[in-house]
Amino acid sequence: MNFNNFELPYVELPAQQSWYRIQRTRALPVSERVNGFILAPAGVLNGRFDLVDDVTAYLADTVETALYETRFRREAFACSLAQLREYSAVCFKSVSADAILTS
């Protein structure tokens, strides 16, 4: 299966929808900052959703899902409190297209 041949659908998010993200509290020197996100650089491929040629931000519809998907999925059997203290949960709200066009 070649994923490069897929055409991704356009998805319009409902206005005022809350989205949650678990990200490092302090950016690393190589981190990218985009609209409040602290992102890993392109090509790192540490996370499940990372891409070779672009930075990505995983957002979930609940904070529990964001935490599970980013810290406890795959081979994780445990995560120390010291490791968890390096991360913060952040919440973003989607806005309507009208709000973007008028600002």
PDB file of N, CA and C in Angstrom:
ATOM      1  N   MET A   1       0.842  -1.168   0.000  1.00  0.00           N
ATOM      2  CA  MET A   1       0.000   0.000   0.000  1.00  0.00           C
ATOM      3  C   MET A   1       0.894   1.240   0.000  1.00  0.00           C
ATOM      4  N   ASN A   2       0.676   2.136  -0.924  1.00  0.00           N
ATOM      5  CA  ASN A   2       1.472   3.354  -1.030  1.00  0.00           C
ATOM      6  C   ASN A   2       0.645   4.538  -0.535  1.00  0.00           C
ATOM      7  N   PHE A   3       1.010   5.072   0.621  1.00  0.00           N
ATOM      8  CA  PHE A   3       0.246   6.168   1.213  1.00  0.00           C
ATOM      9  C   PHE A   3       0.410   7.480   0.455  1.00  0.00           C
ATOM     10  N   ASN A   4       1.425   7.593  -0.369  1.00  0.00           N
ATOM     11  CA  ASN A   4       1.621   8.822  -1.138  1.00  0.00           C
ATOM     12  C   ASN A   4       0.532   9.019  -2.184  1.00  0.00           C
ATOM     13  N   ASN A   5      -0.186   7.974  -2.547  1.00  0.00           N
ATOM     14  CA  ASN A   5      -1.212   8.082  -3.582  1.00  0.00           C
ATOM     15  C   ASN A   5      -2.588   8.440  -3.028  1.00  0.00           C
ATOM     16  N   PHE A   6      -2.719   8.526  -1.707  1.00  0.00           N
ATOM     17  CA  PHE A   6      -4.012   8.869  -1.117  1.00  0.00           C
ATOM     18  C   PHE A   6      -4.290  10.358  -1.229  1.00  0.00           C
ATOM     19  N   GLU A   7      -5.534  10.702  -1.505  1.00  0.00           N
ATOM     20  CA  GLU A   7      -5.957  12.092  -1.453  1.00  0.00           C
ATOM     21  C   GLU A   7      -6.724  12.278  -0.153  1.00  0.00           C
ATOM     22  N   LEU A   8      -6.222  13.148   0.695  1.00  0.00           N
ATOM     23  CA  LEU A   8      -6.858  13.361   1.984  1.00  0.00           C
ATOM     24  C   LEU A   8      -8.088  14.236   1.840  1.00  0.00           C
ATOM     25  N   PRO A   9      -9.146  13.908   2.551  1.00  0.00           N
ATOM     26  CA  PRO A   9     -10.361  14.723   2.471  1.00  0.00           C
ATOM     27  C   PRO A   9     -10.193  16.019   3.254  1.00  0.00           C
ATOM     28  N   TYR A  10     -10.921  17.041   2.862  1.00  0.00           N
ATOM     29  CA  TYR A  10     -10.961  18.295   3.599  1.00  0.00           C
ATOM     30  C   TYR A  10     -11.936  18.108   4.750  1.00  0.00           C
ATOM     31  N   VAL A  11     -11.501  18.418   5.942  1.00  0.00           N
ATOM     32  CA  VAL A  11     -12.343  18.248   7.121  1.00  0.00           C
ATOM     33  C   VAL A  11     -12.542  19.609   7.770  1.00  0.00           C
ATOM     34  N   GLU A  12     -13.793  20.009   7.925  1.00  0.00           N
ATOM     35  CA  GLU A  12     -14.095  21.270   8.593  1.00  0.00           C
ATOM     36  C   GLU A  12     -14.500  20.971  10.030  1.00  0.00           C
ATOM     37  N   LEU A  13     -13.772  21.548  10.965  1.00  0.00           N
ATOM     38  CA  LEU A  13     -14.044  21.314  12.376  1.00  0.00           C
ATOM     39  C   LEU A  13     -15.163  22.228  12.850  1.00  0.00           C
ATOM     40  N   PRO A  14     -16.019  21.744  13.733  1.00  0.00           N
ATOM     41  CA  PRO A  14     -17.076  22.603  14.257  1.00  0.00           C
ATOM     42  C   PRO A  14     -16.487  23.730  15.104  1.00  0.00           C
ATOM     43  N   ALA A  15     -17.098  24.918  15.022  1.00  0.00           N
ATOM     44  CA  ALA A  15     -16.623  26.065  15.796  1.00  0.00           C
ATOM     45  C   ALA A  15     -16.755  25.780  17.288  1.00  0.00           C
ATOM     46  N   GLN A  16     -15.808  26.297  18.046  1.00  0.00           N
ATOM     47  CA  GLN A  16     -15.770  26.169  19.507  1.00  0.00           C
ATOM     48  C   GLN A  16     -15.576  24.735  20.002  1.00  0.00           C
ATOM     49  N   GLN A  17     -15.069  23.869  19.160  1.00  0.00           N
ATOM     50  CA  GLN A  17     -14.729  22.505  19.574  1.00  0.00           C
ATOM     51  C   GLN A  17     -13.418  22.552  20.353  1.00  0.00           C
ATOM     52  N   SER A  18     -13.352  21.888  21.475  1.00  0.00           N
ATOM     53  CA  SER A  18     -12.124  21.828  22.266  1.00  0.00           C
ATOM     54  C   SER A  18     -11.247  20.687  21.773  1.00  0.00           C
ATOM     55  N   TRP A  19      -9.960  20.964  21.655  1.00  0.00           N
ATOM     56  CA  TRP A  19      -8.980  19.965  21.252  1.00  0.00           C
ATOM     57  C   TRP A  19      -7.858  19.981  22.266  1.00  0.00           C
ATOM     58  N   TYR A  20      -7.345  18.812  22.598  1.00  0.00           N
ATOM     59  CA  TYR A  20      -6.346  18.688  23.647  1.00  0.00           C
ATOM     60  C   TYR A  20      -5.058  18.114  23.080  1.00  0.00           C
ATOM     61  N   ARG A  21      -3.962  18.549  23.711  1.00  0.00           N
ATOM     62  CA  ARG A  21      -2.645  18.120  23.269  1.00  0.00           C
ATOM     63  C   ARG A  21      -1.757  17.965  24.496  1.00  0.00           C
ATOM     64  N   ILE A  22      -0.917  16.945  24.481  1.00  0.00           N
ATOM     65  CA  ILE A  22       0.123  16.781  25.492  1.00  0.00           C
ATOM     66  C   ILE A  22       1.430  17.158  24.807  1.00  0.00           C
ATOM     67  N   GLN A  23       2.102  18.165  25.347  1.00  0.00           N
ATOM     68  CA  GLN A  23       3.351  18.605  24.728  1.00  0.00           C
ATOM     69  C   GLN A  23       4.357  18.957  25.814  1.00  0.00           C
ATOM     70  N   ARG A  24       5.619  19.039  25.423  1.00  0.00           N
ATOM     71  CA  ARG A  24       6.654  19.410  26.380  1.00  0.00           C
ATOM     72  C   ARG A  24       6.332  20.770  26.980  1.00  0.00           C
ATOM     73  N   THR A  25       6.566  20.906  28.272  1.00  0.00           N
ATOM     74  CA  THR A  25       6.337  22.186  28.936  1.00  0.00           C
ATOM     75  C   THR A  25       7.376  23.202  28.488  1.00  0.00           C
ATOM     76  N   ARG A  26       8.604  22.770  28.356  1.00  0.00           N
ATOM     77  CA  ARG A  26       9.683  23.636  27.874  1.00  0.00           C
ATOM     78  C   ARG A  26      10.172  23.105  26.533  1.00  0.00           C
ATOM     79  N   ALA A  27      10.288  23.999  25.589  1.00  0.00           N
ATOM     80  CA  ALA A  27      10.752  23.606  24.258  1.00  0.00           C
ATOM     81  C   ALA A  27      12.223  23.203  24.312  1.00  0.00           C
ATOM     82  N   LEU A  28      12.572  22.216  23.528  1.00  0.00           N
ATOM     83  CA  LEU A  28      13.971  21.846  23.344  1.00  0.00           C
ATOM     84  C   LEU A  28      14.582  22.800  22.324  1.00  0.00           C
ATOM     85  N   PRO A  29      15.904  22.902  22.251  1.00  0.00           N
ATOM     86  CA  PRO A  29      16.517  23.801  21.261  1.00  0.00           C
ATOM     87  C   PRO A  29      16.091  23.500  19.815  1.00  0.00           C
ATOM     88  N   VAL A  30      15.762  22.251  19.518  1.00  0.00           N
ATOM     89  CA  VAL A  30      15.374  21.885  18.149  1.00  0.00           C
ATOM     90  C   VAL A  30      13.864  21.950  17.913  1.00  0.00           C
ATOM     91  N   SER A  31      13.098  22.248  18.959  1.00  0.00           N
ATOM     92  CA  SER A  31      11.633  22.279  18.830  1.00  0.00           C
ATOM     93  C   SER A  31      11.180  23.396  17.902  1.00  0.00           C
ATOM     94  N   GLU A  32      10.059  23.167  17.263  1.00  0.00           N
ATOM     95  CA  GLU A  32       9.433  24.186  16.419  1.00  0.00           C
ATOM     96  C   GLU A  32       8.219  24.715  17.165  1.00  0.00           C
ATOM     97  N   ARG A  33       8.021  26.032  17.100  1.00  0.00           N
ATOM     98  CA  ARG A  33       6.851  26.650  17.739  1.00  0.00           C
ATOM     99  C   ARG A  33       5.921  27.148  16.646  1.00  0.00           C
ATOM    100  N   VAL A  34       4.661  26.702  16.711  1.00  0.00           N
ATOM    101  CA  VAL A  34       3.662  27.099  15.719  1.00  0.00           C
ATOM    102  C   VAL A  34       2.339  27.352  16.438  1.00  0.00           C
ATOM    103  N   ASN A  35       1.886  28.589  16.457  1.00  0.00           N
ATOM    104  CA  ASN A  35       0.575  28.952  17.023  1.00  0.00           C
ATOM    105  C   ASN A  35       0.297  28.336  18.391  1.00  0.00           C
ATOM    106  N   GLY A  36       1.233  28.431  19.292  1.00  0.00           N
ATOM    107  CA  GLY A  36       1.037  27.887  20.632  1.00  0.00           C
ATOM    108  C   GLY A  36       1.466  26.442  20.807  1.00  0.00           C
ATOM    109  N   PHE A  37       1.772  25.784  19.717  1.00  0.00           N
ATOM    110  CA  PHE A  37       2.239  24.402  19.786  1.00  0.00           C
ATOM    111  C   PHE A  37       3.753  24.384  19.948  1.00  0.00           C
ATOM    112  N   ILE A  38       4.246  23.454  20.729  1.00  0.00           N
ATOM    113  CA  ILE A  38       5.674  23.141  20.768  1.00  0.00           C
ATOM    114  C   ILE A  38       5.798  21.790  20.087  1.00  0.00           C
ATOM    115  N   LEU A  39       6.413  21.780  18.914  1.00  0.00           N
ATOM    116  CA  LEU A  39       6.430  20.582  18.072  1.00  0.00           C
ATOM    117  C   LEU A  39       7.841  20.043  17.893  1.00  0.00           C
ATOM    118  N   ALA A  40       7.931  18.739  17.738  1.00  0.00           N
ATOM    119  CA  ALA A  40       9.206  18.122  17.380  1.00  0.00           C
ATOM    120  C   ALA A  40       9.537  18.505  15.944  1.00  0.00           C
ATOM    121  N   PRO A  41      10.820  18.615  15.613  1.00  0.00           N
ATOM    122  CA  PRO A  41      11.171  18.959  14.237  1.00  0.00           C
ATOM    123  C   PRO A  41      10.773  17.857  13.255  1.00  0.00           C
ATOM    124  N   ALA A  42      10.639  18.224  12.007  1.00  0.00           N
ATOM    125  CA  ALA A  42      10.294  17.249  10.967  1.00  0.00           C
ATOM    126  C   ALA A  42      11.366  16.164  10.893  1.00  0.00           C
ATOM    127  N   GLY A  43      10.935  14.951  10.643  1.00  0.00           N
ATOM    128  CA  GLY A  43      11.866  13.857  10.416  1.00  0.00           C
ATOM    129  C   GLY A  43      12.324  13.104  11.650  1.00  0.00           C
ATOM    130  N   VAL A  44      11.913  13.523  12.840  1.00  0.00           N
ATOM    131  CA  VAL A  44      12.353  12.839  14.058  1.00  0.00           C
ATOM    132  C   VAL A  44      11.746  11.443  14.147  1.00  0.00           C
ATOM    133  N   LEU A  45      10.473  11.321  13.808  1.00  0.00           N
ATOM    134  CA  LEU A  45       9.746  10.053  13.773  1.00  0.00           C
ATOM    135  C   LEU A  45       9.720   9.323  15.111  1.00  0.00           C
ATOM    136  N   ASN A  46       9.688  10.069  16.214  1.00  0.00           N
ATOM    137  CA  ASN A  46       9.531   9.456  17.541  1.00  0.00           C
ATOM    138  C   ASN A  46       8.090   9.114  17.827  1.00  0.00           C
ATOM    139  N   GLY A  47       7.184   9.967  17.397  1.00  0.00           N
ATOM    140  CA  GLY A  47       5.775   9.780  17.681  1.00  0.00           C
ATOM    141  C   GLY A  47       5.062   9.010  16.594  1.00  0.00           C
ATOM    142  N   ARG A  48       3.925   8.505  16.952  1.00  0.00           N
ATOM    143  CA  ARG A  48       3.119   7.696  16.038  1.00  0.00           C
ATOM    144  C   ARG A  48       2.667   8.481  14.809  1.00  0.00           C
ATOM    145  N   PHE A  49       2.466   9.781  14.958  1.00  0.00           N
ATOM    146  CA  PHE A  49       1.924  10.589  13.875  1.00  0.00           C
ATOM    147  C   PHE A  49       2.977  11.455  13.190  1.00  0.00           C
ATOM    148  N   ASP A  50       4.245  11.320  13.549  1.00  0.00           N
ATOM    149  CA  ASP A  50       5.300  12.149  12.971  1.00  0.00           C
ATOM    150  C   ASP A  50       5.507  11.841  11.494  1.00  0.00           C
ATOM    151  N   LEU A  51       5.884  12.884  10.756  1.00  0.00           N
ATOM    152  CA  LEU A  51       6.124  12.764   9.322  1.00  0.00           C
ATOM    153  C   LEU A  51       7.594  13.021   9.010  1.00  0.00           C
ATOM    154  N   VAL A  52       8.053  12.496   7.896  1.00  0.00           N
ATOM    155  CA  VAL A  52       9.438  12.672   7.484  1.00  0.00           C
ATOM    156  C   VAL A  52       9.710  14.115   7.077  1.00  0.00           C
ATOM    157  N   ASP A  53       8.773  14.743   6.368  1.00  0.00           N
ATOM    158  CA  ASP A  53       9.055  16.038   5.749  1.00  0.00           C
ATOM    159  C   ASP A  53       8.246  17.216   6.291  1.00  0.00           C
ATOM    160  N   ASP A  54       7.553  17.051   7.413  1.00  0.00           N
ATOM    161  CA  ASP A  54       6.766  18.155   7.955  1.00  0.00           C
ATOM    162  C   ASP A  54       6.541  17.943   9.448  1.00  0.00           C
ATOM    163  N   VAL A  55       6.351  19.041  10.171  1.00  0.00           N
ATOM    164  CA  VAL A  55       6.038  18.924  11.596  1.00  0.00           C
ATOM    165  C   VAL A  55       4.565  18.576  11.753  1.00  0.00           C
ATOM    166  N   THR A  56       4.232  17.874  12.819  1.00  0.00           N
ATOM    167  CA  THR A  56       2.844  17.477  13.055  1.00  0.00           C
ATOM    168  C   THR A  56       2.450  17.793  14.492  1.00  0.00           C
ATOM    169  N   ALA A  57       1.163  17.990  14.684  1.00  0.00           N
ATOM    170  CA  ALA A  57       0.619  18.209  16.022  1.00  0.00           C
ATOM    171  C   ALA A  57      -0.564  17.271  16.192  1.00  0.00           C
ATOM    172  N   TYR A  58      -0.463  16.367  17.148  1.00  0.00           N
ATOM    173  CA  TYR A  58      -1.571  15.465  17.425  1.00  0.00           C
ATOM    174  C   TYR A  58      -2.531  16.158  18.372  1.00  0.00           C
ATOM    175  N   LEU A  59      -3.808  16.220  18.001  1.00  0.00           N
ATOM    176  CA  LEU A  59      -4.858  16.780  18.849  1.00  0.00           C
ATOM    177  C   LEU A  59      -5.912  15.708  19.076  1.00  0.00           C
ATOM    178  N   ALA A  60      -6.438  15.658  20.289  1.00  0.00           N
ATOM    179  CA  ALA A  60      -7.474  14.680  20.625  1.00  0.00           C
ATOM    180  C   ALA A  60      -8.702  15.407  21.142  1.00  0.00           C
ATOM    181  N   ASP A  61      -9.828  14.706  21.143  1.00  0.00           N
ATOM    182  CA  ASP A  61     -11.060  15.345  21.617  1.00  0.00           C
ATOM    183  C   ASP A  61     -11.236  15.251  23.128  1.00  0.00           C
ATOM    184  N   THR A  62     -10.380  14.497  23.809  1.00  0.00           N
ATOM    185  CA  THR A  62     -10.366  14.482  25.275  1.00  0.00           C
ATOM    186  C   THR A  62      -8.913  14.504  25.741  1.00  0.00           C
ATOM    187  N   VAL A  63      -8.693  15.040  26.928  1.00  0.00           N
ATOM    188  CA  VAL A  63      -7.334  15.084  27.457  1.00  0.00           C
ATOM    189  C   VAL A  63      -6.828  13.672  27.754  1.00  0.00           C
ATOM    190  N   GLU A  64      -7.724  12.777  28.150  1.00  0.00           N
ATOM    191  CA  GLU A  64      -7.322  11.386  28.420  1.00  0.00           C
ATOM    192  C   GLU A  64      -6.824  10.694  27.154  1.00  0.00           C
ATOM    193  N   THR A  65      -7.508  10.925  26.049  1.00  0.00           N
ATOM    194  CA  THR A  65      -7.076  10.330  24.781  1.00  0.00           C
ATOM    195  C   THR A  65      -5.729  10.895  24.357  1.00  0.00           C
ATOM    196  N   ALA A  66      -5.549  12.194  24.509  1.00  0.00           N
ATOM    197  CA  ALA A  66      -4.268  12.816  24.153  1.00  0.00           C
ATOM    198  C   ALA A  66      -3.136  12.221  24.985  1.00  0.00           C
ATOM    199  N   LEU A  67      -3.369  12.046  26.271  1.00  0.00           N
ATOM    200  CA  LEU A  67      -2.351  11.472  27.149  1.00  0.00           C
ATOM    201  C   LEU A  67      -2.052  10.026  26.764  1.00  0.00           C
ATOM    202  N   TYR A  68      -3.072   9.237  26.542  1.00  0.00           N
ATOM    203  CA  TYR A  68      -2.874   7.838  26.159  1.00  0.00           C
ATOM    204  C   TYR A  68      -2.115   7.731  24.838  1.00  0.00           C
ATOM    205  N   GLU A  69      -2.546   8.468  23.836  1.00  0.00           N
ATOM    206  CA  GLU A  69      -1.938   8.356  22.504  1.00  0.00           C
ATOM    207  C   GLU A  69      -0.483   8.815  22.484  1.00  0.00           C
ATOM    208  N   THR A  70      -0.136   9.798  23.310  1.00  0.00           N
ATOM    209  CA  THR A  70       1.223  10.330  23.249  1.00  0.00           C
ATOM    210  C   THR A  70       2.187   9.708  24.245  1.00  0.00           C
ATOM    211  N   ARG A  71       1.715   9.248  25.391  1.00  0.00           N
ATOM    212  CA  ARG A  71       2.629   8.757  26.422  1.00  0.00           C
ATOM    213  C   ARG A  71       2.503   7.267  26.722  1.00  0.00           C
ATOM    214  N   PHE A  72       1.358   6.646  26.470  1.00  0.00           N
ATOM    215  CA  PHE A  72       1.155   5.272  26.939  1.00  0.00           C
ATOM    216  C   PHE A  72       0.864   4.263  25.838  1.00  0.00           C
ATOM    217  N   ARG A  73       0.827   4.664  24.630  1.00  0.00           N
ATOM    218  CA  ARG A  73       0.541   3.738  23.544  1.00  0.00           C
ATOM    219  C   ARG A  73       1.816   2.976  23.178  1.00  0.00           C
ATOM    220  N   ARG A  74       1.672   1.943  22.425  1.00  0.00           N
ATOM    221  CA  ARG A  74       2.774   1.114  21.927  1.00  0.00           C
ATOM    222  C   ARG A  74       3.431   0.328  23.040  1.00  0.00           C
ATOM    223  N   GLU A  75       4.752   0.393  23.148  1.00  0.00           N
ATOM    224  CA  GLU A  75       5.483  -0.480  24.064  1.00  0.00           C
ATOM    225  C   GLU A  75       5.549   0.041  25.492  1.00  0.00           C
ATOM    226  N   ALA A  76       4.881   1.124  25.820  1.00  0.00           N
ATOM    227  CA  ALA A  76       4.984   1.706  27.164  1.00  0.00           C
ATOM    228  C   ALA A  76       4.310   0.806  28.197  1.00  0.00           C
ATOM    229  N   PHE A  77       5.093   0.390  29.176  1.00  0.00           N
ATOM    230  CA  PHE A  77       4.554  -0.398  30.280  1.00  0.00           C
ATOM    231  C   PHE A  77       4.382   0.471  31.519  1.00  0.00           C
ATOM    232  N   ALA A  78       5.180   1.531  31.598  1.00  0.00           N
ATOM    233  CA  ALA A  78       5.116   2.436  32.739  1.00  0.00           C
ATOM    234  C   ALA A  78       5.676   3.789  32.323  1.00  0.00           C
ATOM    235  N   CYS A  79       5.309   4.789  33.081  1.00  0.00           N
ATOM    236  CA  CYS A  79       5.826   6.134  32.847  1.00  0.00           C
ATOM    237  C   CYS A  79       5.993   6.780  34.219  1.00  0.00           C
ATOM    238  N   SER A  80       7.185   7.223  34.522  1.00  0.00           N
ATOM    239  CA  SER A  80       7.432   7.779  35.850  1.00  0.00           C
ATOM    240  C   SER A  80       6.824   9.173  35.977  1.00  0.00           C
ATOM    241  N   LEU A  81       6.573   9.578  37.203  1.00  0.00           N
ATOM    242  CA  LEU A  81       6.063  10.926  37.442  1.00  0.00           C
ATOM    243  C   LEU A  81       7.073  11.976  36.987  1.00  0.00           C
ATOM    244  N   ALA A  82       8.358  11.673  37.111  1.00  0.00           N
ATOM    245  CA  ALA A  82       9.391  12.606  36.647  1.00  0.00           C
ATOM    246  C   ALA A  82       9.272  12.836  35.139  1.00  0.00           C
ATOM    247  N   GLN A  83       9.002  11.775  34.385  1.00  0.00           N
ATOM    248  CA  GLN A  83       8.814  11.919  32.937  1.00  0.00           C
ATOM    249  C   GLN A  83       7.559  12.720  32.628  1.00  0.00           C
ATOM    250  N   LEU A  84       6.480  12.442  33.339  1.00  0.00           N
ATOM    251  CA  LEU A  84       5.225  13.157  33.095  1.00  0.00           C
ATOM    252  C   LEU A  84       5.332  14.638  33.428  1.00  0.00           C
ATOM    253  N   ARG A  85       6.172  14.990  34.389  1.00  0.00           N
ATOM    254  CA  ARG A  85       6.330  16.400  34.767  1.00  0.00           C
ATOM    255  C   ARG A  85       6.961  17.230  33.656  1.00  0.00           C
ATOM    256  N   GLU A  86       7.579  16.602  32.682  1.00  0.00           N
ATOM    257  CA  GLU A  86       8.174  17.327  31.556  1.00  0.00           C
ATOM    258  C   GLU A  86       7.128  17.759  30.538  1.00  0.00           C
ATOM    259  N   TYR A  87       5.887  17.336  30.718  1.00  0.00           N
ATOM    260  CA  TYR A  87       4.828  17.593  29.743  1.00  0.00           C
ATOM    261  C   TYR A  87       3.661  18.338  30.381  1.00  0.00           C
ATOM    262  N   SER A  88       2.921  19.039  29.540  1.00  0.00           N
ATOM    263  CA  SER A  88       1.721  19.760  29.973  1.00  0.00           C
ATOM    264  C   SER A  88       0.576  19.424  29.037  1.00  0.00           C
ATOM    265  N   ALA A  89      -0.624  19.457  29.595  1.00  0.00           N
ATOM    266  CA  ALA A  89      -1.826  19.320  28.770  1.00  0.00           C
ATOM    267  C   ALA A  89      -2.272  20.723  28.384  1.00  0.00           C
ATOM    268  N   VAL A  90      -2.504  20.934  27.106  1.00  0.00           N
ATOM    269  CA  VAL A  90      -2.990  22.227  26.629  1.00  0.00           C
ATOM    270  C   VAL A  90      -4.293  22.017  25.876  1.00  0.00           C
ATOM    271  N   CYS A  91      -5.137  23.032  25.901  1.00  0.00           N
ATOM    272  CA  CYS A  91      -6.440  22.964  25.241  1.00  0.00           C
ATOM    273  C   CYS A  91      -6.528  24.073  24.206  1.00  0.00           C
ATOM    274  N   PHE A  92      -6.989  23.735  23.028  1.00  0.00           N
ATOM    275  CA  PHE A  92      -7.198  24.696  21.949  1.00  0.00           C
ATOM    276  C   PHE A  92      -8.658  24.625  21.540  1.00  0.00           C
ATOM    277  N   LYS A  93      -9.208  25.735  21.132  1.00  0.00           N
ATOM    278  CA  LYS A  93     -10.588  25.759  20.635  1.00  0.00           C
ATOM    279  C   LYS A  93     -10.566  26.137  19.166  1.00  0.00           C
ATOM    280  N   SER A  94     -11.348  25.428  18.379  1.00  0.00           N
ATOM    281  CA  SER A  94     -11.472  25.777  16.966  1.00  0.00           C
ATOM    282  C   SER A  94     -12.354  27.015  16.851  1.00  0.00           C
ATOM    283  N   VAL A  95     -12.121  27.770  15.798  1.00  0.00           N
ATOM    284  CA  VAL A  95     -12.929  28.965  15.537  1.00  0.00           C
ATOM    285  C   VAL A  95     -13.655  28.776  14.220  1.00  0.00           C
ATOM    286  N   SER A  96     -14.657  29.576  13.997  1.00  0.00           N
ATOM    287  CA  SER A  96     -15.398  29.470  12.740  1.00  0.00           C
ATOM    288  C   SER A  96     -14.597  30.114  11.618  1.00  0.00           C
ATOM    289  N   ALA A  97     -14.873  29.722  10.403  1.00  0.00           N
ATOM    290  CA  ALA A  97     -14.211  30.320   9.243  1.00  0.00           C
ATOM    291  C   ALA A  97     -14.502  31.807   9.179  1.00  0.00           C
ATOM    292  N   ASP A  98     -15.690  32.228   9.599  1.00  0.00           N
ATOM    293  CA  ASP A  98     -16.039  33.647   9.601  1.00  0.00           C
ATOM    294  C   ASP A  98     -15.112  34.436  10.516  1.00  0.00           C
ATOM    295  N   ALA A  99     -14.765  33.874  11.660  1.00  0.00           N
ATOM    296  CA  ALA A  99     -13.873  34.559  12.598  1.00  0.00           C
ATOM    297  C   ALA A  99     -12.492  34.746  11.998  1.00  0.00           C
ATOM    298  N   ILE A 100     -12.039  33.779  11.219  1.00  0.00           N
ATOM    299  CA  ILE A 100     -10.730  33.886  10.575  1.00  0.00           C
ATOM    300  C   ILE A 100     -10.768  34.945   9.480  1.00  0.00           C
ATOM    301  N   LEU A 101     -11.824  34.960   8.697  1.00  0.00           N
ATOM    302  CA  LEU A 101     -11.915  35.886   7.573  1.00  0.00           C
ATOM    303  C   LEU A 101     -12.075  37.337   8.013  1.00  0.00           C
ATOM    304  N   THR A 102     -12.657  37.582   9.182  1.00  0.00           N
ATOM    305  CA  THR A 102     -12.880  38.953   9.625  1.00  0.00           C
ATOM    306  C   THR A 102     -11.756  39.488  10.491  1.00  0.00           C
ATOM    307  N   SER A 103     -10.820  38.658  10.873  1.00  0.00           N
ATOM    308  CA  SER A 103      -9.732  39.148  11.730  1.00  0.00           C
ATOM    309  C   SER A 103      -8.551  39.626  10.924  1.00  0.00           C
TER     310      SER A 103
END
